[in-house]
Amino acid sequence: MKPSTRIERTHWNAGRTRLVGADAVGVACLSGPVMAAAVVMPPFGRRIPGIRDSKMLSRAQRERLFPIIMRRASFVGIGAASVAEIDRLNIYHATNLAMRRAICRIPRREHVLIDGLRVHGLEEHVGSYTAIVRGDAHCYSIAAASIVAKVMRDRLMDRLAARYPHYGWEHNVGYATLDHRRGIEEHGITRFHRRSFARVRAVEVGTQLELELSDARIEWREELPVPA
């Protein structure tokens, strides 16, 4: 499915030219921050061929489109929520925080289009907005934002992969792939893993339980009577 500018044109025709498209990526990952981008495309401008929902594109395609979007866009805002914020707030609220941070970097915005469902309390921070289910598949400016956010986050995970080479972040970018899960089981978790996620917590708790059971066995052996 090719995203269109049908929704944008409704706003452009009404005189709202500083229209923001926003999306977040990395929500389901086991590690790394959640990242969001907000993009304002020129009203009635020529569309960039190839823009799609970032999940439908290869990494090479996203990297090719990224600099074009950055050149063509009138404004781009980036926001993120850290792993600590994800664990403290939960992933839903952290994702909304990242989105809000990205949107608020766009000055004098007139309306915002976001991917997903309406978010309680968002309007008081970003102004009027419209939530569009599967917006990254249907709406051109949201799709552009999804590409920007995805490329920025992938590059960040590449840098983290150089510091933590056992988890395959350079290609799985933090998702729960087999090599990532094996890395967690064999090397434990890092400060960039989301401890509030059940799969990560299970490994951490499992390690603790193994140590506790081991200590219990030692104590039990020490209590055995020494044979004469």
N, C-alpha and C. Protein backbone atom coordinates (compact mmCIF):
# COMPACT_ATOMS: atom_id res chain seq x y z
N MET A 1 0.83 -1.19 0.00
CA MET A 1 0.00 0.00 0.00
C MET A 1 0.88 1.25 0.00
N LYS A 2 0.57 2.18 -0.90
CA LYS A 2 1.31 3.44 -0.96
C LYS A 2 0.58 4.49 -0.14
N PRO A 3 1.26 5.11 0.82
CA PRO A 3 0.60 6.19 1.57
C PRO A 3 0.32 7.37 0.66
N SER A 4 -0.77 8.05 0.91
CA SER A 4 -1.16 9.19 0.08
C SER A 4 -1.14 10.48 0.89
N THR A 5 -1.34 11.59 0.21
CA THR A 5 -1.44 12.89 0.87
C THR A 5 -2.89 13.34 0.98
N ARG A 6 -3.82 12.39 0.89
CA ARG A 6 -5.25 12.75 0.95
C ARG A 6 -5.58 13.48 2.25
N ILE A 7 -5.11 12.95 3.37
CA ILE A 7 -5.40 13.59 4.65
C ILE A 7 -4.70 14.94 4.76
N GLU A 8 -3.44 15.00 4.33
CA GLU A 8 -2.72 16.26 4.37
C GLU A 8 -3.41 17.33 3.52
N ARG A 9 -3.90 16.94 2.36
CA ARG A 9 -4.51 17.93 1.46
C ARG A 9 -5.75 18.54 2.07
N THR A 10 -6.48 17.79 2.87
CA THR A 10 -7.64 18.34 3.56
C THR A 10 -7.22 19.50 4.45
N HIS A 11 -6.11 19.32 5.16
CA HIS A 11 -5.61 20.37 6.03
C HIS A 11 -4.96 21.50 5.24
N TRP A 12 -4.20 21.17 4.22
CA TRP A 12 -3.57 22.21 3.40
C TRP A 12 -4.63 23.10 2.76
N ASN A 13 -5.67 22.48 2.26
CA ASN A 13 -6.75 23.26 1.63
C ASN A 13 -7.45 24.18 2.63
N ALA A 14 -7.41 23.78 3.90
CA ALA A 14 -8.02 24.61 4.95
C ALA A 14 -7.06 25.67 5.47
N GLY A 15 -5.87 25.74 4.88
CA GLY A 15 -4.91 26.77 5.26
C GLY A 15 -3.91 26.36 6.32
N ARG A 16 -3.97 25.09 6.77
CA ARG A 16 -3.01 24.61 7.78
C ARG A 16 -1.80 24.03 7.06
N THR A 17 -0.80 24.85 6.86
CA THR A 17 0.35 24.44 6.06
C THR A 17 1.47 23.82 6.89
N ARG A 18 1.53 24.15 8.19
CA ARG A 18 2.55 23.55 9.05
C ARG A 18 1.94 22.33 9.73
N LEU A 19 1.83 21.27 8.95
CA LEU A 19 1.16 20.05 9.37
C LEU A 19 2.22 19.00 9.70
N VAL A 20 2.15 18.44 10.90
CA VAL A 20 3.18 17.53 11.40
C VAL A 20 2.70 16.08 11.28
N GLY A 21 3.54 15.22 10.75
CA GLY A 21 3.33 13.78 10.79
C GLY A 21 4.29 13.17 11.79
N ALA A 22 3.82 12.30 12.67
CA ALA A 22 4.70 11.75 13.73
C ALA A 22 4.49 10.26 13.90
N ASP A 23 5.59 9.57 14.21
CA ASP A 23 5.52 8.13 14.46
C ASP A 23 6.67 7.74 15.38
N ALA A 24 6.50 6.59 16.05
CA ALA A 24 7.52 6.06 16.96
C ALA A 24 7.91 4.67 16.54
N VAL A 25 9.15 4.29 16.84
CA VAL A 25 9.67 2.97 16.48
C VAL A 25 10.40 2.36 17.67
N GLY A 26 10.58 1.02 17.63
CA GLY A 26 11.31 0.32 18.67
C GLY A 26 10.46 -0.04 19.87
N VAL A 27 9.14 -0.03 19.70
CA VAL A 27 8.24 -0.27 20.84
C VAL A 27 8.39 -1.70 21.37
N ALA A 28 8.49 -2.67 20.48
CA ALA A 28 8.49 -4.07 20.90
C ALA A 28 9.88 -4.64 21.15
N CYS A 29 10.91 -3.82 21.09
CA CYS A 29 12.28 -4.32 21.27
C CYS A 29 12.55 -4.68 22.73
N LEU A 30 13.52 -5.56 22.93
CA LEU A 30 13.93 -5.93 24.29
C LEU A 30 15.00 -4.99 24.83
N SER A 31 15.61 -4.21 23.95
CA SER A 31 16.69 -3.32 24.38
C SER A 31 16.66 -2.04 23.57
N GLY A 32 17.32 -1.03 24.11
CA GLY A 32 17.42 0.25 23.44
C GLY A 32 16.23 1.15 23.71
N PRO A 33 16.38 2.43 23.41
CA PRO A 33 15.30 3.39 23.64
C PRO A 33 14.19 3.22 22.62
N VAL A 34 13.05 3.82 22.91
CA VAL A 34 12.03 4.00 21.89
C VAL A 34 12.25 5.38 21.30
N MET A 35 12.12 5.49 19.99
CA MET A 35 12.46 6.74 19.32
C MET A 35 11.31 7.19 18.43
N ALA A 36 11.12 8.50 18.34
CA ALA A 36 10.04 9.06 17.53
C ALA A 36 10.58 10.18 16.65
N ALA A 37 9.88 10.41 15.56
CA ALA A 37 10.22 11.52 14.68
C ALA A 37 8.95 12.26 14.31
N ALA A 38 9.10 13.56 14.11
CA ALA A 38 8.01 14.41 13.64
C ALA A 38 8.50 15.15 12.41
N VAL A 39 7.71 15.14 11.35
CA VAL A 39 8.14 15.69 10.07
C VAL A 39 7.06 16.62 9.51
N VAL A 40 7.50 17.76 9.00
CA VAL A 40 6.60 18.66 8.26
C VAL A 40 7.06 18.67 6.82
N MET A 41 6.21 18.19 5.93
CA MET A 41 6.53 18.20 4.51
C MET A 41 5.91 19.45 3.87
N PRO A 42 6.56 20.02 2.85
CA PRO A 42 6.03 21.24 2.21
C PRO A 42 4.63 20.99 1.64
N PRO A 43 3.68 21.87 1.89
CA PRO A 43 2.32 21.66 1.39
C PRO A 43 2.28 21.64 -0.14
N PHE A 44 1.54 20.68 -0.66
CA PHE A 44 1.35 20.51 -2.10
C PHE A 44 2.67 20.28 -2.83
N GLY A 45 3.71 19.85 -2.09
CA GLY A 45 5.00 19.61 -2.73
C GLY A 45 5.03 18.28 -3.46
N ARG A 46 6.05 18.12 -4.28
CA ARG A 46 6.21 16.87 -5.03
C ARG A 46 6.56 15.75 -4.06
N ARG A 47 5.86 14.63 -4.15
CA ARG A 47 6.10 13.51 -3.25
C ARG A 47 7.42 12.83 -3.57
N ILE A 48 8.02 12.28 -2.54
CA ILE A 48 9.27 11.52 -2.70
C ILE A 48 8.90 10.09 -3.07
N PRO A 49 9.30 9.61 -4.25
CA PRO A 49 8.97 8.23 -4.63
C PRO A 49 9.58 7.21 -3.67
N GLY A 50 8.81 6.21 -3.33
CA GLY A 50 9.33 5.12 -2.51
C GLY A 50 9.01 5.21 -1.04
N ILE A 51 8.44 6.32 -0.58
CA ILE A 51 8.11 6.43 0.84
C ILE A 51 6.97 5.48 1.17
N ARG A 52 7.21 4.66 2.19
CA ARG A 52 6.25 3.69 2.68
C ARG A 52 6.38 3.62 4.20
N ASP A 53 5.51 2.85 4.80
CA ASP A 53 5.70 2.46 6.20
C ASP A 53 7.11 1.87 6.31
N SER A 54 7.90 2.33 7.28
CA SER A 54 9.30 1.91 7.37
C SER A 54 9.45 0.40 7.52
N LYS A 55 8.44 -0.27 8.09
CA LYS A 55 8.52 -1.73 8.26
C LYS A 55 8.44 -2.46 6.93
N MET A 56 7.94 -1.80 5.91
CA MET A 56 7.80 -2.43 4.59
C MET A 56 9.02 -2.20 3.70
N LEU A 57 10.02 -1.52 4.23
CA LEU A 57 11.21 -1.20 3.45
C LEU A 57 12.43 -1.92 4.02
N SER A 58 13.38 -2.21 3.16
CA SER A 58 14.65 -2.77 3.63
C SER A 58 15.49 -1.65 4.25
N ARG A 59 16.51 -2.05 4.97
CA ARG A 59 17.37 -1.04 5.57
C ARG A 59 18.03 -0.17 4.49
N ALA A 60 18.45 -0.79 3.40
CA ALA A 60 19.08 -0.03 2.32
C ALA A 60 18.10 0.98 1.72
N GLN A 61 16.86 0.59 1.58
CA GLN A 61 15.86 1.53 1.05
C GLN A 61 15.63 2.69 2.01
N ARG A 62 15.55 2.39 3.30
CA ARG A 62 15.36 3.47 4.28
C ARG A 62 16.55 4.42 4.30
N GLU A 63 17.76 3.87 4.23
CA GLU A 63 18.95 4.71 4.23
C GLU A 63 19.01 5.59 2.98
N ARG A 64 18.49 5.08 1.87
CA ARG A 64 18.47 5.89 0.64
C ARG A 64 17.47 7.03 0.75
N LEU A 65 16.31 6.75 1.38
CA LEU A 65 15.26 7.77 1.48
C LEU A 65 15.54 8.80 2.57
N PHE A 66 16.28 8.40 3.59
CA PHE A 66 16.49 9.26 4.75
C PHE A 66 17.06 10.64 4.38
N PRO A 67 18.17 10.72 3.65
CA PRO A 67 18.71 12.06 3.35
C PRO A 67 17.79 12.89 2.45
N ILE A 68 17.01 12.21 1.62
CA ILE A 68 16.07 12.94 0.76
C ILE A 68 14.97 13.58 1.60
N ILE A 69 14.45 12.80 2.56
CA ILE A 69 13.42 13.34 3.45
C ILE A 69 13.98 14.50 4.25
N MET A 70 15.20 14.35 4.77
CA MET A 70 15.81 15.40 5.58
C MET A 70 16.01 16.68 4.76
N ARG A 71 16.30 16.55 3.48
CA ARG A 71 16.46 17.74 2.62
C ARG A 71 15.12 18.37 2.27
N ARG A 72 14.15 17.55 1.97
CA ARG A 72 12.87 18.05 1.48
C ARG A 72 11.97 18.57 2.60
N ALA A 73 12.08 18.00 3.78
CA ALA A 73 11.18 18.38 4.87
C ALA A 73 11.43 19.82 5.30
N SER A 74 10.36 20.50 5.64
CA SER A 74 10.48 21.87 6.16
C SER A 74 11.03 21.85 7.59
N PHE A 75 10.59 20.87 8.38
CA PHE A 75 11.05 20.71 9.76
C PHE A 75 11.11 19.23 10.10
N VAL A 76 12.07 18.86 10.93
CA VAL A 76 12.17 17.50 11.46
C VAL A 76 12.48 17.59 12.95
N GLY A 77 11.72 16.87 13.76
CA GLY A 77 11.99 16.80 15.19
C GLY A 77 12.22 15.35 15.60
N ILE A 78 13.19 15.11 16.47
CA ILE A 78 13.50 13.77 16.96
C ILE A 78 13.28 13.75 18.47
N GLY A 79 12.65 12.70 18.96
CA GLY A 79 12.47 12.52 20.39
C GLY A 79 12.72 11.08 20.77
N ALA A 80 13.10 10.85 22.01
CA ALA A 80 13.36 9.48 22.48
C ALA A 80 12.97 9.37 23.94
N ALA A 81 12.73 8.14 24.35
CA ALA A 81 12.56 7.82 25.77
C ALA A 81 13.56 6.72 26.09
N SER A 82 14.34 6.92 27.13
CA SER A 82 15.43 6.02 27.47
C SER A 82 14.91 4.70 28.04
N VAL A 83 15.81 3.75 28.16
CA VAL A 83 15.46 2.46 28.77
C VAL A 83 15.01 2.68 30.22
N ALA A 84 15.67 3.57 30.93
CA ALA A 84 15.27 3.86 32.32
C ALA A 84 13.85 4.41 32.37
N GLU A 85 13.50 5.27 31.41
CA GLU A 85 12.14 5.82 31.37
C GLU A 85 11.12 4.75 30.98
N ILE A 86 11.51 3.85 30.08
CA ILE A 86 10.62 2.75 29.71
C ILE A 86 10.32 1.89 30.92
N ASP A 87 11.35 1.55 31.69
CA ASP A 87 11.16 0.70 32.86
C ASP A 87 10.39 1.41 33.96
N ARG A 88 10.55 2.73 34.04
CA ARG A 88 9.87 3.46 35.10
C ARG A 88 8.41 3.78 34.74
N LEU A 89 8.16 4.13 33.49
CA LEU A 89 6.83 4.60 33.08
C LEU A 89 5.96 3.50 32.48
N ASN A 90 6.53 2.49 31.91
CA ASN A 90 6.02 1.42 31.05
C ASN A 90 6.12 1.87 29.60
N ILE A 91 6.11 0.91 28.69
CA ILE A 91 6.42 1.19 27.29
C ILE A 91 5.36 2.08 26.65
N TYR A 92 4.11 1.95 27.05
CA TYR A 92 3.05 2.79 26.47
C TYR A 92 3.30 4.26 26.77
N HIS A 93 3.52 4.59 28.03
CA HIS A 93 3.73 5.98 28.39
C HIS A 93 5.07 6.51 27.88
N ALA A 94 6.09 5.65 27.84
CA ALA A 94 7.38 6.07 27.32
C ALA A 94 7.30 6.37 25.82
N THR A 95 6.55 5.57 25.09
CA THR A 95 6.37 5.82 23.66
C THR A 95 5.68 7.16 23.43
N ASN A 96 4.65 7.43 24.21
CA ASN A 96 3.96 8.72 24.08
C ASN A 96 4.87 9.88 24.46
N LEU A 97 5.75 9.66 25.44
CA LEU A 97 6.69 10.71 25.82
C LEU A 97 7.67 11.00 24.69
N ALA A 98 8.18 9.95 24.05
CA ALA A 98 9.09 10.14 22.91
C ALA A 98 8.39 10.88 21.78
N MET A 99 7.15 10.52 21.51
CA MET A 99 6.38 11.17 20.46
C MET A 99 6.18 12.66 20.80
N ARG A 100 5.83 12.91 22.04
CA ARG A 100 5.60 14.29 22.46
C ARG A 100 6.87 15.12 22.32
N ARG A 101 8.00 14.55 22.71
CA ARG A 101 9.26 15.28 22.59
C ARG A 101 9.60 15.61 21.14
N ALA A 102 9.34 14.67 20.24
CA ALA A 102 9.62 14.92 18.82
C ALA A 102 8.71 16.03 18.28
N ILE A 103 7.43 15.93 18.59
CA ILE A 103 6.46 16.91 18.07
C ILE A 103 6.76 18.30 18.60
N CYS A 104 7.12 18.38 19.88
CA CYS A 104 7.35 19.70 20.49
C CYS A 104 8.60 20.39 19.94
N ARG A 105 9.41 19.69 19.18
CA ARG A 105 10.56 20.32 18.53
C ARG A 105 10.16 21.05 17.25
N ILE A 106 8.92 20.90 16.83
CA ILE A 106 8.43 21.59 15.63
C ILE A 106 7.77 22.90 16.08
N PRO A 107 8.32 24.04 15.67
CA PRO A 107 7.74 25.32 16.13
C PRO A 107 6.48 25.69 15.35
N ARG A 108 5.60 26.38 16.01
CA ARG A 108 4.39 26.97 15.39
C ARG A 108 3.60 25.95 14.56
N ARG A 109 3.50 24.74 15.06
CA ARG A 109 2.75 23.71 14.36
C ARG A 109 1.25 24.04 14.42
N GLU A 110 0.54 23.66 13.36
CA GLU A 110 -0.89 23.98 13.26
C GLU A 110 -1.79 22.77 13.50
N HIS A 111 -1.29 21.59 13.21
CA HIS A 111 -2.03 20.37 13.47
C HIS A 111 -1.05 19.21 13.38
N VAL A 112 -1.36 18.13 14.08
CA VAL A 112 -0.47 16.97 14.13
C VAL A 112 -1.23 15.72 13.71
N LEU A 113 -0.59 14.88 12.94
CA LEU A 113 -1.12 13.56 12.56
C LEU A 113 -0.22 12.52 13.20
N ILE A 114 -0.79 11.63 14.00
CA ILE A 114 0.02 10.60 14.64
C ILE A 114 -0.47 9.21 14.24
N ASP A 115 0.44 8.26 14.30
CA ASP A 115 0.10 6.87 14.02
C ASP A 115 -0.51 6.24 15.26
N GLY A 116 -1.63 5.53 15.09
CA GLY A 116 -2.21 4.79 16.21
C GLY A 116 -3.51 5.38 16.71
N LEU A 117 -3.78 5.13 18.00
CA LEU A 117 -5.01 5.58 18.63
C LEU A 117 -4.78 6.90 19.37
N ARG A 118 -5.86 7.55 19.75
CA ARG A 118 -5.75 8.78 20.52
C ARG A 118 -5.09 8.50 21.87
N VAL A 119 -4.35 9.48 22.35
CA VAL A 119 -3.58 9.35 23.58
C VAL A 119 -4.12 10.34 24.60
N HIS A 120 -4.48 9.84 25.76
CA HIS A 120 -5.04 10.71 26.79
C HIS A 120 -4.02 11.78 27.20
N GLY A 121 -4.45 13.04 27.16
CA GLY A 121 -3.63 14.14 27.61
C GLY A 121 -2.62 14.66 26.61
N LEU A 122 -2.53 14.05 25.43
CA LEU A 122 -1.52 14.50 24.45
C LEU A 122 -1.82 15.90 23.93
N GLU A 123 -3.09 16.20 23.75
CA GLU A 123 -3.47 17.47 23.13
C GLU A 123 -2.97 18.67 23.94
N GLU A 124 -2.94 18.54 25.23
CA GLU A 124 -2.50 19.68 26.05
C GLU A 124 -1.02 19.96 25.88
N HIS A 125 -0.27 19.00 25.34
CA HIS A 125 1.17 19.20 25.11
C HIS A 125 1.48 19.58 23.66
N VAL A 126 0.76 19.02 22.71
CA VAL A 126 1.13 19.22 21.30
C VAL A 126 0.12 20.03 20.51
N GLY A 127 -1.03 20.32 21.10
CA GLY A 127 -2.07 21.02 20.36
C GLY A 127 -2.99 20.03 19.66
N SER A 128 -3.79 20.54 18.74
CA SER A 128 -4.77 19.70 18.06
C SER A 128 -4.07 18.62 17.24
N TYR A 129 -4.66 17.43 17.27
CA TYR A 129 -4.05 16.33 16.52
C TYR A 129 -5.13 15.34 16.10
N THR A 130 -4.75 14.53 15.12
CA THR A 130 -5.60 13.45 14.63
C THR A 130 -4.83 12.15 14.73
N ALA A 131 -5.42 11.14 15.34
CA ALA A 131 -4.81 9.81 15.43
C ALA A 131 -5.35 8.94 14.30
N ILE A 132 -4.44 8.29 13.60
CA ILE A 132 -4.82 7.50 12.43
C ILE A 132 -4.31 6.07 12.61
N VAL A 133 -5.21 5.13 12.70
CA VAL A 133 -4.82 3.72 12.82
C VAL A 133 -4.11 3.30 11.54
N ARG A 134 -2.95 2.69 11.70
CA ARG A 134 -2.08 2.32 10.58
C ARG A 134 -1.73 3.55 9.75
N GLY A 135 -1.50 4.64 10.45
CA GLY A 135 -1.19 5.90 9.78
C GLY A 135 0.07 5.82 8.95
N ASP A 136 1.06 5.01 9.39
CA ASP A 136 2.30 4.91 8.62
C ASP A 136 2.09 4.21 7.28
N ALA A 137 0.99 3.48 7.14
CA ALA A 137 0.67 2.83 5.86
C ALA A 137 -0.20 3.71 4.97
N HIS A 138 -0.94 4.63 5.58
CA HIS A 138 -1.92 5.41 4.82
C HIS A 138 -1.53 6.86 4.59
N CYS A 139 -0.75 7.43 5.49
CA CYS A 139 -0.50 8.86 5.48
C CYS A 139 0.97 9.15 5.14
N TYR A 140 1.17 9.95 4.13
CA TYR A 140 2.50 10.23 3.58
C TYR A 140 3.45 10.82 4.63
N SER A 141 3.03 11.83 5.36
CA SER A 141 3.93 12.49 6.29
C SER A 141 4.24 11.59 7.50
N ILE A 142 3.28 10.76 7.91
CA ILE A 142 3.57 9.81 9.00
C ILE A 142 4.55 8.76 8.52
N ALA A 143 4.39 8.29 7.30
CA ALA A 143 5.33 7.30 6.74
C ALA A 143 6.74 7.89 6.68
N ALA A 144 6.85 9.16 6.27
CA ALA A 144 8.16 9.81 6.23
C ALA A 144 8.77 9.87 7.63
N ALA A 145 7.94 10.19 8.62
CA ALA A 145 8.43 10.24 10.00
C ALA A 145 8.88 8.86 10.47
N SER A 146 8.17 7.82 10.07
CA SER A 146 8.54 6.47 10.50
C SER A 146 9.90 6.08 9.94
N ILE A 147 10.21 6.52 8.74
CA ILE A 147 11.52 6.22 8.13
C ILE A 147 12.62 6.96 8.88
N VAL A 148 12.40 8.23 9.17
CA VAL A 148 13.40 9.02 9.89
C VAL A 148 13.67 8.40 11.27
N ALA A 149 12.61 8.08 12.00
CA ALA A 149 12.78 7.50 13.33
C ALA A 149 13.50 6.16 13.27
N LYS A 150 13.14 5.34 12.29
CA LYS A 150 13.75 4.01 12.16
C LYS A 150 15.23 4.10 11.83
N VAL A 151 15.60 4.97 10.91
CA VAL A 151 17.01 5.11 10.55
C VAL A 151 17.82 5.63 11.73
N MET A 152 17.28 6.62 12.43
CA MET A 152 18.00 7.17 13.59
C MET A 152 18.19 6.10 14.66
N ARG A 153 17.16 5.32 14.92
CA ARG A 153 17.28 4.30 15.96
C ARG A 153 18.22 3.17 15.52
N ASP A 154 18.14 2.74 14.27
CA ASP A 154 19.03 1.69 13.78
C ASP A 154 20.49 2.10 13.92
N ARG A 155 20.78 3.36 13.61
CA ARG A 155 22.16 3.84 13.72
C ARG A 155 22.63 3.86 15.17
N LEU A 156 21.73 4.22 16.07
CA LEU A 156 22.07 4.19 17.48
C LEU A 156 22.37 2.77 17.93
N MET A 157 21.54 1.81 17.51
CA MET A 157 21.77 0.42 17.91
C MET A 157 23.06 -0.12 17.30
N ASP A 158 23.45 0.36 16.13
CA ASP A 158 24.75 -0.02 15.57
C ASP A 158 25.88 0.40 16.50
N ARG A 159 25.80 1.62 17.02
CA ARG A 159 26.85 2.11 17.92
C ARG A 159 26.87 1.30 19.22
N LEU A 160 25.70 0.96 19.73
CA LEU A 160 25.65 0.15 20.95
C LEU A 160 26.16 -1.26 20.69
N ALA A 161 25.93 -1.78 19.49
CA ALA A 161 26.40 -3.13 19.15
C ALA A 161 27.91 -3.22 19.19
N ALA A 162 28.60 -2.12 18.85
CA ALA A 162 30.06 -2.13 18.90
C ALA A 162 30.57 -2.24 20.34
N ARG A 163 29.78 -1.76 21.29
CA ARG A 163 30.16 -1.83 22.71
C ARG A 163 29.69 -3.13 23.35
N TYR A 164 28.61 -3.69 22.84
CA TYR A 164 28.04 -4.93 23.39
C TYR A 164 27.84 -5.91 22.23
N PRO A 165 28.89 -6.63 21.85
CA PRO A 165 28.87 -7.40 20.60
C PRO A 165 28.16 -8.75 20.67
N HIS A 166 27.59 -9.13 21.80
CA HIS A 166 27.07 -10.49 21.94
C HIS A 166 25.58 -10.63 21.61
N TYR A 167 24.93 -9.57 21.20
CA TYR A 167 23.47 -9.60 21.10
C TYR A 167 22.94 -9.40 19.67
N GLY A 168 23.82 -9.16 18.72
CA GLY A 168 23.40 -9.01 17.33
C GLY A 168 22.60 -7.74 17.06
N TRP A 169 22.82 -6.71 17.87
CA TRP A 169 22.04 -5.49 17.70
C TRP A 169 22.27 -4.81 16.36
N GLU A 170 23.42 -5.09 15.73
CA GLU A 170 23.70 -4.45 14.45
C GLU A 170 22.73 -4.90 13.36
N HIS A 171 22.05 -6.05 13.57
CA HIS A 171 21.07 -6.47 12.57
C HIS A 171 19.67 -6.68 13.17
N ASN A 172 19.57 -7.03 14.47
CA ASN A 172 18.22 -7.21 15.02
C ASN A 172 17.71 -5.95 15.73
N VAL A 173 18.58 -4.96 15.90
CA VAL A 173 18.27 -3.65 16.51
C VAL A 173 17.48 -3.75 17.82
N GLY A 174 17.66 -4.86 18.52
CA GLY A 174 17.03 -5.01 19.82
C GLY A 174 15.79 -5.87 19.86
N TYR A 175 15.32 -6.34 18.72
CA TYR A 175 14.14 -7.21 18.72
C TYR A 175 14.51 -8.61 19.24
N ALA A 176 13.50 -9.36 19.60
CA ALA A 176 13.71 -10.65 20.27
C ALA A 176 14.02 -11.77 19.28
N THR A 177 15.06 -11.61 18.50
CA THR A 177 15.48 -12.65 17.58
C THR A 177 16.20 -13.76 18.35
N LEU A 178 16.42 -14.88 17.66
CA LEU A 178 17.06 -16.02 18.32
C LEU A 178 18.44 -15.67 18.83
N ASP A 179 19.24 -14.96 18.00
CA ASP A 179 20.60 -14.65 18.44
C ASP A 179 20.58 -13.66 19.61
N HIS A 180 19.61 -12.76 19.63
CA HIS A 180 19.51 -11.83 20.76
C HIS A 180 19.15 -12.58 22.04
N ARG A 181 18.18 -13.49 21.95
CA ARG A 181 17.77 -14.26 23.12
C ARG A 181 18.92 -15.13 23.63
N ARG A 182 19.65 -15.74 22.70
CA ARG A 182 20.80 -16.55 23.11
C ARG A 182 21.87 -15.69 23.78
N GLY A 183 22.07 -14.48 23.25
CA GLY A 183 23.04 -13.56 23.84
C GLY A 183 22.68 -13.23 25.27
N ILE A 184 21.38 -13.01 25.52
CA ILE A 184 20.92 -12.70 26.87
C ILE A 184 21.16 -13.90 27.79
N GLU A 185 20.83 -15.09 27.29
CA GLU A 185 20.98 -16.29 28.12
C GLU A 185 22.44 -16.59 28.44
N GLU A 186 23.33 -16.32 27.47
CA GLU A 186 24.74 -16.67 27.65
C GLU A 186 25.56 -15.57 28.32
N HIS A 187 25.17 -14.31 28.11
CA HIS A 187 25.99 -13.20 28.60
C HIS A 187 25.25 -12.28 29.56
N GLY A 188 23.99 -12.59 29.84
CA GLY A 188 23.24 -11.76 30.76
C GLY A 188 22.71 -10.51 30.10
N ILE A 189 22.20 -9.61 30.91
CA ILE A 189 21.59 -8.40 30.37
C ILE A 189 22.50 -7.20 30.62
N THR A 190 22.35 -6.19 29.79
CA THR A 190 23.13 -4.96 29.90
C THR A 190 22.24 -3.86 30.46
N ARG A 191 22.82 -2.69 30.66
CA ARG A 191 22.02 -1.56 31.14
C ARG A 191 21.11 -1.01 30.06
N PHE A 192 21.25 -1.51 28.84
CA PHE A 192 20.38 -1.08 27.75
C PHE A 192 19.24 -2.07 27.50
N HIS A 193 19.13 -3.11 28.31
CA HIS A 193 18.00 -4.04 28.22
C HIS A 193 16.85 -3.53 29.09
N ARG A 194 15.64 -3.77 28.61
CA ARG A 194 14.45 -3.29 29.30
C ARG A 194 14.02 -4.33 30.35
N ARG A 195 14.40 -4.08 31.58
CA ARG A 195 14.13 -5.04 32.64
C ARG A 195 12.65 -5.21 32.93
N SER A 196 11.83 -4.25 32.54
CA SER A 196 10.39 -4.36 32.77
C SER A 196 9.71 -5.29 31.77
N PHE A 197 10.42 -5.71 30.72
CA PHE A 197 9.85 -6.62 29.73
C PHE A 197 9.95 -8.05 30.25
N ALA A 198 8.88 -8.80 30.10
CA ALA A 198 8.79 -10.14 30.70
C ALA A 198 9.92 -11.05 30.26
N ARG A 199 10.27 -11.02 28.98
CA ARG A 199 11.31 -11.94 28.49
C ARG A 199 12.67 -11.61 29.11
N VAL A 200 12.97 -10.32 29.26
CA VAL A 200 14.23 -9.92 29.88
C VAL A 200 14.19 -10.23 31.37
N ARG A 201 13.09 -9.92 32.02
CA ARG A 201 12.95 -10.15 33.45
C ARG A 201 13.07 -11.63 33.79
N ALA A 202 12.54 -12.48 32.89
CA ALA A 202 12.59 -13.92 33.13
C ALA A 202 14.03 -14.41 33.17
N VAL A 203 14.89 -13.87 32.30
CA VAL A 203 16.30 -14.26 32.31
C VAL A 203 16.96 -13.78 33.58
N GLU A 204 16.68 -12.52 33.96
CA GLU A 204 17.29 -11.96 35.16
C GLU A 204 16.84 -12.73 36.40
N VAL A 205 15.55 -12.98 36.52
CA VAL A 205 15.02 -13.71 37.67
C VAL A 205 15.52 -15.14 37.67
N GLY A 206 15.60 -15.74 36.48
CA GLY A 206 16.11 -17.11 36.38
C GLY A 206 17.53 -17.22 36.87
N THR A 207 18.36 -16.24 36.56
CA THR A 207 19.74 -16.23 37.03
C THR A 207 19.79 -16.10 38.54
N GLN A 208 18.96 -15.22 39.08
CA GLN A 208 18.93 -15.03 40.52
C GLN A 208 18.48 -16.31 41.23
N LEU A 209 17.45 -16.96 40.67
CA LEU A 209 16.96 -18.19 41.27
C LEU A 209 18.02 -19.29 41.25
N GLU A 210 18.76 -19.34 40.14
CA GLU A 210 19.81 -20.36 40.04
C GLU A 210 20.86 -20.15 41.11
N LEU A 211 21.23 -18.87 41.34
CA LEU A 211 22.21 -18.57 42.37
C LEU A 211 21.67 -18.90 43.75
N GLU A 212 20.39 -18.57 43.99
CA GLU A 212 19.79 -18.84 45.29
C GLU A 212 19.73 -20.33 45.57
N LEU A 213 19.36 -21.12 44.55
CA LEU A 213 19.31 -22.56 44.72
C LEU A 213 20.69 -23.13 44.97
N SER A 214 21.68 -22.57 44.26
CA SER A 214 23.05 -23.03 44.45
C SER A 214 23.51 -22.75 45.88
N ASP A 215 23.21 -21.54 46.39
CA ASP A 215 23.58 -21.20 47.76
C ASP A 215 22.87 -22.13 48.75
N ALA A 216 21.60 -22.44 48.46
CA ALA A 216 20.85 -23.32 49.36
C ALA A 216 21.47 -24.71 49.42
N ARG A 217 21.94 -25.21 48.27
CA ARG A 217 22.56 -26.53 48.25
C ARG A 217 23.84 -26.53 49.08
N ILE A 218 24.61 -25.42 48.99
CA ILE A 218 25.84 -25.33 49.77
C ILE A 218 25.54 -25.35 51.25
N GLU A 219 24.52 -24.55 51.64
CA GLU A 219 24.15 -24.50 53.07
C GLU A 219 23.67 -25.88 53.54
N TRP A 220 22.90 -26.56 52.70
CA TRP A 220 22.36 -27.89 53.10
C TRP A 220 23.52 -28.88 53.30
N ARG A 221 24.52 -28.83 52.37
CA ARG A 221 25.65 -29.74 52.50
C ARG A 221 26.44 -29.45 53.78
N GLU A 222 26.56 -28.15 54.12
CA GLU A 222 27.33 -27.79 55.30
C GLU A 222 26.67 -28.31 56.58
N GLU A 223 25.33 -28.48 56.52
CA GLU A 223 24.62 -28.95 57.71
C GLU A 223 24.65 -30.47 57.86
N LEU A 224 25.09 -31.19 56.83
CA LEU A 224 25.15 -32.65 56.93
C LEU A 224 26.20 -33.07 57.95
N PRO A 225 25.90 -34.09 58.71
CA PRO A 225 26.90 -34.57 59.69
C PRO A 225 28.09 -35.21 58.98
N VAL A 226 29.24 -35.00 59.51
CA VAL A 226 30.46 -35.57 58.92
C VAL A 226 30.55 -37.03 59.33
N PRO A 227 30.66 -37.97 58.37
CA PRO A 227 30.72 -39.40 58.73
C PRO A 227 31.96 -39.73 59.54
N ALA A 228 31.84 -40.67 60.47
CA ALA A 228 32.96 -41.04 61.35
C ALA A 228 33.98 -41.87 60.56
